[in-house]
């Protein structure tokens, strides 16, 4: 028979209610290291932790599918996540493997469009999730901090776009040579 504490450890609902101080400090550390949040003071990082939802995924469990509505930013606290797309022939093209401190889904915080790729837990993983409506409310309540967050997200998007442009030109140059 399961002990009640075993049930609590596996339940996202109860785990969120009974976060230990260590887990909370760990989340704050990860948030402070991320470009969208690194310019925020500890006070606002602590406020952000209140809108974060923890999710636990088992190995090979989908976090979201390509084409799903984009509703949140995901932060890997523990484990690994694979991001991939399927081409027209249904062949899987791996894009990246993410681990602790990495994040994905940031475009959803800007445009709320559908997911451009799928995400699956490569290993058992703990993921912190910030939903767009929660972040929008945080930004409304703290507009100066919201500008810092949105500037950080824009910087990430710009960096990723520059990387894609460089990679594209490398491919074009290889084909033309």
N, C-alpha and C. Protein backbone atom coordinates (compact mmCIF):
# COMPACT_ATOMS: atom_id res chain seq x y z
N UNK A 1 0.83 -1.19 0.00
CA UNK A 1 0.00 0.00 0.00
C UNK A 1 0.87 1.25 0.00
N UNK A 2 0.46 2.24 -0.77
CA UNK A 2 1.21 3.49 -0.84
C UNK A 2 1.05 4.30 0.43
N UNK A 3 2.14 4.93 0.81
CA UNK A 3 2.08 5.86 1.93
C UNK A 3 1.57 7.20 1.39
N UNK A 4 0.86 7.96 2.20
CA UNK A 4 0.36 9.26 1.75
C UNK A 4 1.47 10.17 1.22
N UNK A 5 2.67 10.08 1.79
CA UNK A 5 3.76 10.94 1.32
C UNK A 5 4.19 10.57 -0.08
N UNK A 6 4.08 9.27 -0.47
CA UNK A 6 4.41 8.87 -1.83
C UNK A 6 3.47 9.51 -2.83
N UNK A 7 2.20 9.58 -2.48
CA UNK A 7 1.20 10.19 -3.36
C UNK A 7 1.50 11.68 -3.52
N UNK A 8 1.84 12.35 -2.43
CA UNK A 8 2.13 13.78 -2.48
C UNK A 8 3.32 14.05 -3.38
N UNK A 9 4.36 13.22 -3.33
CA UNK A 9 5.56 13.45 -4.13
C UNK A 9 5.26 13.34 -5.62
N UNK A 10 4.28 12.52 -6.02
CA UNK A 10 3.99 12.34 -7.43
C UNK A 10 2.94 13.29 -7.96
N UNK A 11 2.24 13.96 -7.12
CA UNK A 11 1.15 14.82 -7.55
C UNK A 11 1.65 16.25 -7.74
N UNK A 12 1.51 16.78 -8.96
CA UNK A 12 1.91 18.16 -9.22
C UNK A 12 1.15 19.13 -8.34
N UNK A 13 -0.13 18.88 -8.13
CA UNK A 13 -0.94 19.78 -7.32
C UNK A 13 -0.36 19.91 -5.92
N UNK A 14 -0.13 18.76 -5.27
CA UNK A 14 0.37 18.80 -3.90
C UNK A 14 1.82 19.28 -3.86
N UNK A 15 2.60 18.92 -4.85
CA UNK A 15 4.00 19.36 -4.86
C UNK A 15 4.06 20.88 -4.94
N UNK A 16 3.16 21.49 -5.70
CA UNK A 16 3.15 22.95 -5.80
C UNK A 16 2.74 23.59 -4.49
N UNK A 17 1.83 22.97 -3.77
CA UNK A 17 1.38 23.53 -2.50
C UNK A 17 2.43 23.41 -1.42
N UNK A 18 3.19 22.33 -1.47
CA UNK A 18 4.13 22.06 -0.39
C UNK A 18 5.58 22.15 -0.87
N UNK A 19 5.92 23.18 -1.61
CA UNK A 19 7.29 23.37 -2.04
C UNK A 19 8.18 23.56 -0.83
N UNK A 20 9.30 22.88 -0.84
CA UNK A 20 10.25 23.08 0.24
C UNK A 20 11.03 24.36 -0.03
N UNK A 21 11.62 24.97 1.02
CA UNK A 21 12.41 26.18 0.79
C UNK A 21 13.53 25.95 -0.22
N UNK A 22 14.15 24.77 -0.22
CA UNK A 22 15.23 24.48 -1.16
C UNK A 22 14.73 24.54 -2.59
N UNK A 23 13.55 23.95 -2.86
CA UNK A 23 13.00 23.98 -4.21
C UNK A 23 12.71 25.41 -4.63
N UNK A 24 12.18 26.21 -3.72
CA UNK A 24 11.87 27.60 -4.02
C UNK A 24 13.15 28.38 -4.33
N UNK A 25 14.18 28.19 -3.53
CA UNK A 25 15.46 28.87 -3.76
C UNK A 25 16.07 28.42 -5.08
N UNK A 26 15.94 27.13 -5.40
CA UNK A 26 16.47 26.59 -6.63
C UNK A 26 15.77 27.23 -7.83
N UNK A 27 14.46 27.36 -7.76
CA UNK A 27 13.70 28.00 -8.83
C UNK A 27 14.14 29.46 -8.98
N UNK A 28 14.31 30.16 -7.88
CA UNK A 28 14.76 31.56 -7.94
C UNK A 28 16.13 31.65 -8.61
N UNK A 29 17.03 30.74 -8.29
CA UNK A 29 18.37 30.74 -8.89
C UNK A 29 18.28 30.55 -10.40
N UNK A 30 17.46 29.60 -10.83
CA UNK A 30 17.30 29.34 -12.26
C UNK A 30 16.69 30.56 -12.95
N UNK A 31 15.65 31.15 -12.38
CA UNK A 31 15.03 32.33 -12.99
C UNK A 31 16.02 33.48 -13.11
N UNK A 32 16.82 33.71 -12.07
CA UNK A 32 17.80 34.81 -12.10
C UNK A 32 18.85 34.62 -13.18
N UNK A 33 19.07 33.38 -13.60
CA UNK A 33 20.08 33.11 -14.62
C UNK A 33 19.54 33.28 -16.04
N UNK A 34 18.23 33.40 -16.19
CA UNK A 34 17.62 33.48 -17.52
C UNK A 34 17.55 34.92 -18.02
N UNK A 35 17.90 35.15 -19.29
CA UNK A 35 17.89 36.52 -19.83
C UNK A 35 16.60 37.31 -19.58
N UNK A 36 15.40 36.71 -19.70
CA UNK A 36 14.21 37.55 -19.48
C UNK A 36 14.07 38.04 -18.04
N UNK A 37 14.70 37.36 -17.09
CA UNK A 37 14.48 37.67 -15.69
C UNK A 37 15.72 38.14 -14.94
N UNK A 38 16.89 38.09 -15.58
CA UNK A 38 18.12 38.35 -14.83
C UNK A 38 18.25 39.79 -14.35
N UNK A 39 17.53 40.73 -14.95
CA UNK A 39 17.60 42.13 -14.51
C UNK A 39 16.59 42.47 -13.42
N UNK A 40 15.83 41.47 -12.97
CA UNK A 40 14.84 41.70 -11.92
C UNK A 40 15.47 41.53 -10.55
N UNK A 41 15.02 42.31 -9.61
CA UNK A 41 15.49 42.19 -8.22
C UNK A 41 14.90 40.93 -7.60
N UNK A 42 15.47 40.53 -6.49
CA UNK A 42 15.00 39.34 -5.77
C UNK A 42 13.52 39.46 -5.43
N UNK A 43 13.08 40.65 -5.10
CA UNK A 43 11.66 40.85 -4.76
C UNK A 43 10.75 40.41 -5.91
N UNK A 44 11.09 40.81 -7.13
CA UNK A 44 10.24 40.48 -8.27
C UNK A 44 10.43 39.03 -8.73
N UNK A 45 11.62 38.50 -8.52
CA UNK A 45 11.83 37.07 -8.79
C UNK A 45 10.94 36.25 -7.87
N UNK A 46 10.87 36.65 -6.60
CA UNK A 46 10.02 35.93 -5.65
C UNK A 46 8.54 36.05 -6.03
N UNK A 47 8.14 37.20 -6.54
CA UNK A 47 6.76 37.35 -7.01
C UNK A 47 6.51 36.44 -8.22
N UNK A 48 7.49 36.34 -9.10
CA UNK A 48 7.35 35.47 -10.27
C UNK A 48 7.20 34.01 -9.86
N UNK A 49 7.91 33.59 -8.82
CA UNK A 49 7.82 32.18 -8.42
C UNK A 49 6.39 31.80 -8.03
N UNK A 50 5.61 32.79 -7.66
CA UNK A 50 4.22 32.50 -7.26
C UNK A 50 3.33 32.16 -8.46
N UNK A 51 3.76 32.54 -9.67
CA UNK A 51 2.96 32.22 -10.85
C UNK A 51 3.52 31.02 -11.62
N UNK A 52 4.60 30.45 -11.11
CA UNK A 52 5.22 29.29 -11.76
C UNK A 52 4.50 28.02 -11.33
N UNK A 53 4.24 27.17 -12.31
CA UNK A 53 3.61 25.87 -12.06
C UNK A 53 4.65 24.80 -12.34
N UNK A 54 4.85 23.89 -11.41
CA UNK A 54 5.78 22.79 -11.61
C UNK A 54 5.05 21.62 -12.24
N UNK A 55 5.70 21.01 -13.21
CA UNK A 55 5.16 19.82 -13.86
C UNK A 55 6.26 18.77 -13.89
N UNK A 56 5.86 17.53 -13.73
CA UNK A 56 6.79 16.41 -13.79
C UNK A 56 6.38 15.54 -14.98
N UNK A 57 7.36 15.24 -15.83
CA UNK A 57 7.13 14.41 -17.00
C UNK A 57 8.02 13.19 -16.92
N UNK A 58 7.49 12.04 -17.31
CA UNK A 58 8.30 10.83 -17.35
C UNK A 58 9.00 10.75 -18.71
N UNK A 59 10.04 9.98 -18.78
CA UNK A 59 10.77 9.81 -20.04
C UNK A 59 9.81 9.42 -21.15
N UNK A 60 9.96 10.05 -22.30
CA UNK A 60 9.15 9.83 -23.51
C UNK A 60 7.74 10.38 -23.44
N UNK A 61 7.45 11.19 -22.44
CA UNK A 61 6.14 11.82 -22.35
C UNK A 61 6.19 13.17 -23.08
N UNK A 62 5.19 13.41 -23.91
CA UNK A 62 5.13 14.67 -24.64
C UNK A 62 4.77 15.81 -23.69
N UNK A 63 5.45 16.93 -23.87
CA UNK A 63 5.15 18.15 -23.14
C UNK A 63 4.14 18.95 -23.96
N UNK A 64 4.40 19.03 -25.26
CA UNK A 64 3.43 19.55 -26.21
C UNK A 64 3.79 19.06 -27.60
N UNK A 65 2.80 19.16 -28.50
CA UNK A 65 2.96 18.72 -29.88
C UNK A 65 3.05 19.93 -30.81
N UNK A 66 3.78 19.74 -31.89
CA UNK A 66 3.82 20.74 -32.96
C UNK A 66 2.37 21.01 -33.39
N UNK A 67 1.99 22.29 -33.49
CA UNK A 67 0.64 22.65 -33.87
C UNK A 67 -0.27 22.93 -32.69
N UNK A 68 0.14 22.54 -31.48
CA UNK A 68 -0.65 22.87 -30.28
C UNK A 68 -0.64 24.38 -30.07
N UNK A 69 -1.65 24.91 -29.39
CA UNK A 69 -1.62 26.34 -29.06
C UNK A 69 -0.42 26.65 -28.15
N UNK A 70 0.24 27.77 -28.41
CA UNK A 70 1.35 28.19 -27.57
C UNK A 70 0.83 28.98 -26.40
N UNK A 71 0.94 28.43 -25.21
CA UNK A 71 0.34 29.09 -24.05
C UNK A 71 1.31 29.34 -22.90
N UNK A 72 2.59 28.90 -23.05
CA UNK A 72 3.47 29.00 -21.89
C UNK A 72 4.94 28.94 -22.28
N UNK A 73 5.76 29.40 -21.35
CA UNK A 73 7.21 29.26 -21.38
C UNK A 73 7.56 28.10 -20.46
N UNK A 74 8.48 27.24 -20.87
CA UNK A 74 8.88 26.07 -20.09
C UNK A 74 10.35 26.21 -19.72
N UNK A 75 10.67 25.86 -18.47
CA UNK A 75 12.04 25.94 -17.97
C UNK A 75 12.41 24.57 -17.41
N UNK A 76 13.51 24.01 -17.89
CA UNK A 76 13.94 22.70 -17.42
C UNK A 76 14.66 22.88 -16.07
N UNK A 77 14.07 22.31 -15.04
CA UNK A 77 14.69 22.34 -13.71
C UNK A 77 15.53 21.10 -13.47
N UNK A 78 15.09 19.98 -14.05
CA UNK A 78 15.81 18.72 -13.89
C UNK A 78 15.42 17.83 -15.06
N UNK A 79 16.38 17.05 -15.57
CA UNK A 79 16.09 16.13 -16.65
C UNK A 79 16.54 16.67 -18.00
N UNK A 80 15.97 16.12 -19.05
CA UNK A 80 16.29 16.53 -20.42
C UNK A 80 15.03 16.54 -21.27
N UNK A 81 14.99 17.49 -22.21
CA UNK A 81 13.86 17.63 -23.12
C UNK A 81 14.39 17.71 -24.54
N UNK A 82 13.79 16.94 -25.44
CA UNK A 82 14.12 17.02 -26.86
C UNK A 82 13.07 17.86 -27.57
N UNK A 83 13.54 18.76 -28.41
CA UNK A 83 12.68 19.56 -29.28
C UNK A 83 12.90 19.05 -30.70
N UNK A 84 11.81 18.76 -31.41
CA UNK A 84 11.94 18.23 -32.76
C UNK A 84 10.74 18.63 -33.61
N UNK A 85 10.94 18.51 -34.92
CA UNK A 85 9.87 18.73 -35.90
C UNK A 85 9.77 17.50 -36.79
N UNK A 86 8.60 17.31 -37.35
CA UNK A 86 8.42 16.26 -38.35
C UNK A 86 8.31 16.94 -39.72
N UNK A 87 9.00 16.38 -40.71
CA UNK A 87 8.89 16.95 -42.05
C UNK A 87 7.67 16.39 -42.76
N UNK A 88 7.49 16.75 -44.01
CA UNK A 88 6.30 16.31 -44.77
C UNK A 88 6.20 14.79 -44.88
N UNK A 89 7.36 14.10 -44.84
CA UNK A 89 7.38 12.63 -44.92
C UNK A 89 7.26 11.99 -43.55
N UNK A 90 6.95 12.80 -42.53
CA UNK A 90 6.79 12.34 -41.14
C UNK A 90 8.11 11.90 -40.50
N UNK A 91 9.23 12.26 -41.14
CA UNK A 91 10.54 11.96 -40.57
C UNK A 91 10.82 12.98 -39.46
N UNK A 92 11.36 12.49 -38.34
CA UNK A 92 11.65 13.37 -37.21
C UNK A 92 13.01 14.04 -37.40
N UNK A 93 13.02 15.35 -37.23
CA UNK A 93 14.24 16.14 -37.29
C UNK A 93 14.49 16.75 -35.92
N UNK A 94 15.52 16.24 -35.24
CA UNK A 94 15.86 16.76 -33.92
C UNK A 94 16.43 18.16 -34.06
N UNK A 95 15.94 19.07 -33.23
CA UNK A 95 16.43 20.45 -33.25
C UNK A 95 17.43 20.70 -32.13
N UNK A 96 17.09 20.25 -30.92
CA UNK A 96 17.97 20.51 -29.78
C UNK A 96 17.56 19.63 -28.60
N UNK A 97 18.53 19.34 -27.75
CA UNK A 97 18.27 18.68 -26.47
C UNK A 97 18.58 19.69 -25.39
N UNK A 98 17.63 19.90 -24.50
CA UNK A 98 17.75 20.91 -23.45
C UNK A 98 17.90 20.24 -22.09
N UNK A 99 18.62 20.92 -21.18
CA UNK A 99 18.79 20.39 -19.83
C UNK A 99 18.64 21.52 -18.82
N UNK A 100 18.99 21.26 -17.58
CA UNK A 100 18.78 22.18 -16.47
C UNK A 100 19.15 23.62 -16.83
N UNK A 101 18.19 24.52 -16.59
CA UNK A 101 18.42 25.94 -16.83
C UNK A 101 18.04 26.39 -18.23
N UNK A 102 17.85 25.44 -19.15
CA UNK A 102 17.42 25.79 -20.50
C UNK A 102 15.92 26.03 -20.50
N UNK A 103 15.47 26.78 -21.47
CA UNK A 103 14.04 27.09 -21.56
C UNK A 103 13.60 27.06 -23.00
N UNK A 104 12.29 26.92 -23.20
CA UNK A 104 11.74 26.84 -24.54
C UNK A 104 10.29 27.30 -24.50
N UNK A 105 9.76 27.64 -25.68
CA UNK A 105 8.38 28.09 -25.76
C UNK A 105 8.20 29.58 -25.55
N UNK A 106 9.30 30.33 -25.56
CA UNK A 106 9.21 31.76 -25.27
C UNK A 106 8.40 32.55 -26.28
N UNK A 107 8.31 32.06 -27.51
CA UNK A 107 7.51 32.78 -28.51
C UNK A 107 6.04 32.86 -28.09
N UNK A 108 5.58 31.86 -27.36
CA UNK A 108 4.18 31.85 -26.90
C UNK A 108 3.88 33.05 -26.00
N UNK A 109 4.90 33.56 -25.32
CA UNK A 109 4.69 34.71 -24.45
C UNK A 109 4.51 35.99 -25.26
N UNK A 110 4.93 35.95 -26.51
CA UNK A 110 4.81 37.13 -27.38
C UNK A 110 3.57 37.05 -28.27
N UNK A 111 3.45 35.95 -29.02
CA UNK A 111 2.40 35.92 -30.04
C UNK A 111 1.27 34.92 -29.77
N UNK A 112 1.46 33.97 -28.89
CA UNK A 112 0.39 33.00 -28.61
C UNK A 112 0.03 32.13 -29.80
N UNK A 113 0.90 32.07 -30.80
CA UNK A 113 0.64 31.26 -32.00
C UNK A 113 0.84 29.77 -31.66
N UNK A 114 0.60 28.91 -32.64
CA UNK A 114 0.75 27.47 -32.41
C UNK A 114 2.23 27.11 -32.31
N UNK A 115 2.48 25.97 -31.70
CA UNK A 115 3.85 25.48 -31.51
C UNK A 115 4.46 25.11 -32.85
N UNK A 116 5.70 25.54 -33.07
CA UNK A 116 6.39 25.25 -34.32
C UNK A 116 7.15 23.93 -34.26
N UNK A 117 7.19 23.31 -33.10
CA UNK A 117 7.88 22.04 -32.92
C UNK A 117 7.23 21.29 -31.75
N UNK A 118 7.65 20.05 -31.57
CA UNK A 118 7.17 19.24 -30.44
C UNK A 118 8.25 19.19 -29.37
N UNK A 119 7.82 18.97 -28.13
CA UNK A 119 8.75 18.81 -27.02
C UNK A 119 8.40 17.52 -26.29
N UNK A 120 9.41 16.72 -26.00
CA UNK A 120 9.21 15.45 -25.31
C UNK A 120 10.30 15.30 -24.25
N UNK A 121 9.92 14.76 -23.11
CA UNK A 121 10.90 14.52 -22.05
C UNK A 121 11.80 13.36 -22.49
N UNK A 122 13.10 13.62 -22.59
CA UNK A 122 14.05 12.57 -22.95
C UNK A 122 14.36 11.69 -21.75
N UNK A 123 14.27 12.28 -20.56
CA UNK A 123 14.46 11.59 -19.28
C UNK A 123 13.34 12.08 -18.38
N UNK A 124 13.16 11.44 -17.24
CA UNK A 124 12.23 11.98 -16.25
C UNK A 124 12.65 13.42 -16.00
N UNK A 125 11.70 14.35 -16.05
CA UNK A 125 12.05 15.77 -16.00
C UNK A 125 11.08 16.56 -15.14
N UNK A 126 11.62 17.56 -14.49
CA UNK A 126 10.82 18.53 -13.76
C UNK A 126 10.91 19.84 -14.53
N UNK A 127 9.75 20.37 -14.88
CA UNK A 127 9.67 21.56 -15.72
C UNK A 127 8.87 22.63 -14.98
N UNK A 128 9.42 23.84 -14.95
CA UNK A 128 8.68 24.99 -14.42
C UNK A 128 7.97 25.63 -15.61
N UNK A 129 6.71 25.98 -15.41
CA UNK A 129 5.89 26.52 -16.50
C UNK A 129 5.34 27.88 -16.09
N UNK A 130 5.51 28.85 -16.99
CA UNK A 130 4.90 30.16 -16.78
C UNK A 130 3.89 30.37 -17.90
N UNK A 131 2.62 30.41 -17.54
CA UNK A 131 1.56 30.57 -18.53
C UNK A 131 1.42 32.03 -18.93
N UNK A 132 1.13 32.26 -20.20
CA UNK A 132 1.02 33.61 -20.75
C UNK A 132 0.03 34.49 -19.98
N UNK A 133 -1.18 34.01 -19.67
CA UNK A 133 -2.10 34.89 -18.92
C UNK A 133 -1.55 35.32 -17.56
N UNK A 134 -0.83 34.43 -16.89
CA UNK A 134 -0.23 34.78 -15.60
C UNK A 134 0.86 35.83 -15.77
N UNK A 135 1.71 35.64 -16.80
CA UNK A 135 2.77 36.61 -17.04
C UNK A 135 2.18 37.94 -17.48
N UNK A 136 1.15 37.91 -18.32
CA UNK A 136 0.49 39.16 -18.74
C UNK A 136 -0.03 39.93 -17.53
N UNK A 137 -0.62 39.23 -16.59
CA UNK A 137 -1.12 39.89 -15.38
C UNK A 137 0.04 40.46 -14.55
N UNK A 138 1.13 39.71 -14.44
CA UNK A 138 2.31 40.20 -13.73
C UNK A 138 2.82 41.49 -14.38
N UNK A 139 2.88 41.50 -15.71
CA UNK A 139 3.36 42.68 -16.44
C UNK A 139 2.42 43.86 -16.25
N UNK A 140 1.13 43.61 -16.25
CA UNK A 140 0.16 44.70 -15.98
C UNK A 140 0.36 45.29 -14.60
N UNK A 141 0.62 44.45 -13.62
CA UNK A 141 0.79 44.91 -12.25
C UNK A 141 2.15 45.57 -12.01
N UNK A 142 3.15 45.17 -12.81
CA UNK A 142 4.52 45.68 -12.63
C UNK A 142 5.10 46.05 -14.00
N UNK A 143 4.58 47.13 -14.63
CA UNK A 143 4.97 47.43 -16.01
C UNK A 143 6.46 47.69 -16.23
N UNK A 144 7.14 48.31 -15.28
CA UNK A 144 8.58 48.55 -15.47
C UNK A 144 9.34 47.23 -15.51
N UNK A 145 8.93 46.28 -14.68
CA UNK A 145 9.57 44.96 -14.69
C UNK A 145 9.14 44.20 -15.93
N UNK A 146 7.91 44.43 -16.37
CA UNK A 146 7.43 43.79 -17.59
C UNK A 146 8.26 44.18 -18.80
N UNK A 147 8.66 45.46 -18.86
CA UNK A 147 9.51 45.91 -19.96
C UNK A 147 10.84 45.16 -19.94
N UNK A 148 11.40 44.96 -18.75
CA UNK A 148 12.66 44.21 -18.64
C UNK A 148 12.47 42.77 -19.11
N UNK A 149 11.37 42.16 -18.73
CA UNK A 149 11.11 40.77 -19.13
C UNK A 149 10.95 40.68 -20.65
N UNK A 150 10.13 41.56 -21.21
CA UNK A 150 9.90 41.53 -22.66
C UNK A 150 11.16 41.87 -23.44
N UNK A 151 11.99 42.77 -22.91
CA UNK A 151 13.27 43.07 -23.55
C UNK A 151 14.18 41.84 -23.55
N UNK A 152 14.16 41.11 -22.43
CA UNK A 152 14.95 39.88 -22.35
C UNK A 152 14.47 38.83 -23.34
N UNK A 153 13.16 38.70 -23.48
CA UNK A 153 12.61 37.74 -24.45
C UNK A 153 12.97 38.16 -25.88
N UNK A 154 12.87 39.47 -26.15
CA UNK A 154 13.23 39.97 -27.49
C UNK A 154 14.71 39.70 -27.79
N UNK A 155 15.58 39.84 -26.79
CA UNK A 155 17.00 39.57 -26.99
C UNK A 155 17.24 38.10 -27.33
N UNK A 156 16.50 37.21 -26.66
CA UNK A 156 16.62 35.78 -26.95
C UNK A 156 16.19 35.49 -28.38
N UNK A 157 15.05 36.04 -28.76
CA UNK A 157 14.52 35.81 -30.11
C UNK A 157 15.50 36.35 -31.15
N UNK A 158 16.06 37.53 -30.91
CA UNK A 158 17.02 38.12 -31.84
C UNK A 158 18.27 37.24 -31.96
N UNK A 159 18.76 36.73 -30.86
CA UNK A 159 19.93 35.85 -30.88
C UNK A 159 19.65 34.58 -31.65
N UNK A 160 18.48 33.99 -31.39
CA UNK A 160 18.13 32.76 -32.10
C UNK A 160 17.93 33.00 -33.59
N UNK A 161 17.35 34.14 -33.95
CA UNK A 161 17.18 34.47 -35.37
C UNK A 161 18.54 34.67 -36.05
N UNK A 162 19.46 35.35 -35.39
CA UNK A 162 20.80 35.53 -35.97
C UNK A 162 21.49 34.18 -36.17
N UNK A 163 21.32 33.28 -35.22
CA UNK A 163 21.91 31.94 -35.34
C UNK A 163 21.31 31.19 -36.51
N UNK A 164 20.00 31.25 -36.66
CA UNK A 164 19.34 30.59 -37.79
C UNK A 164 19.82 31.20 -39.11
N UNK A 165 19.93 32.52 -39.17
CA UNK A 165 20.41 33.18 -40.39
C UNK A 165 21.83 32.72 -40.74
N UNK A 166 22.70 32.66 -39.72
CA UNK A 166 24.08 32.22 -39.95
C UNK A 166 24.10 30.78 -40.43
N UNK A 167 23.32 29.91 -39.77
CA UNK A 167 23.28 28.50 -40.18
C UNK A 167 22.74 28.35 -41.59
N UNK A 168 21.73 29.13 -41.94
CA UNK A 168 21.16 29.11 -43.29
C UNK A 168 22.22 29.51 -44.32
N UNK A 169 22.95 30.58 -44.03
CA UNK A 169 23.99 31.02 -44.97
C UNK A 169 25.10 30.00 -45.09
N UNK A 170 25.44 29.31 -44.01
CA UNK A 170 26.44 28.22 -44.09
C UNK A 170 25.96 27.14 -45.04
N UNK A 171 24.69 26.78 -44.96
CA UNK A 171 24.13 25.76 -45.84
C UNK A 171 24.14 26.24 -47.29
N UNK A 172 23.71 27.47 -47.51
CA UNK A 172 23.70 28.03 -48.87
C UNK A 172 25.11 28.03 -49.45
N UNK A 173 26.09 28.45 -48.65
CA UNK A 173 27.48 28.48 -49.13
C UNK A 173 27.99 27.09 -49.45
N UNK A 174 27.64 26.09 -48.67
CA UNK A 174 28.07 24.72 -48.94
C UNK A 174 27.44 24.21 -50.23
N UNK A 175 26.19 24.53 -50.46
CA UNK A 175 25.51 24.09 -51.68
C UNK A 175 26.10 24.76 -52.90
N UNK A 176 26.44 26.04 -52.80
CA UNK A 176 26.97 26.80 -53.94
C UNK A 176 28.44 26.53 -54.22
N UNK A 177 29.14 25.91 -53.32
CA UNK A 177 30.58 25.65 -53.53
C UNK A 177 30.85 24.25 -53.98
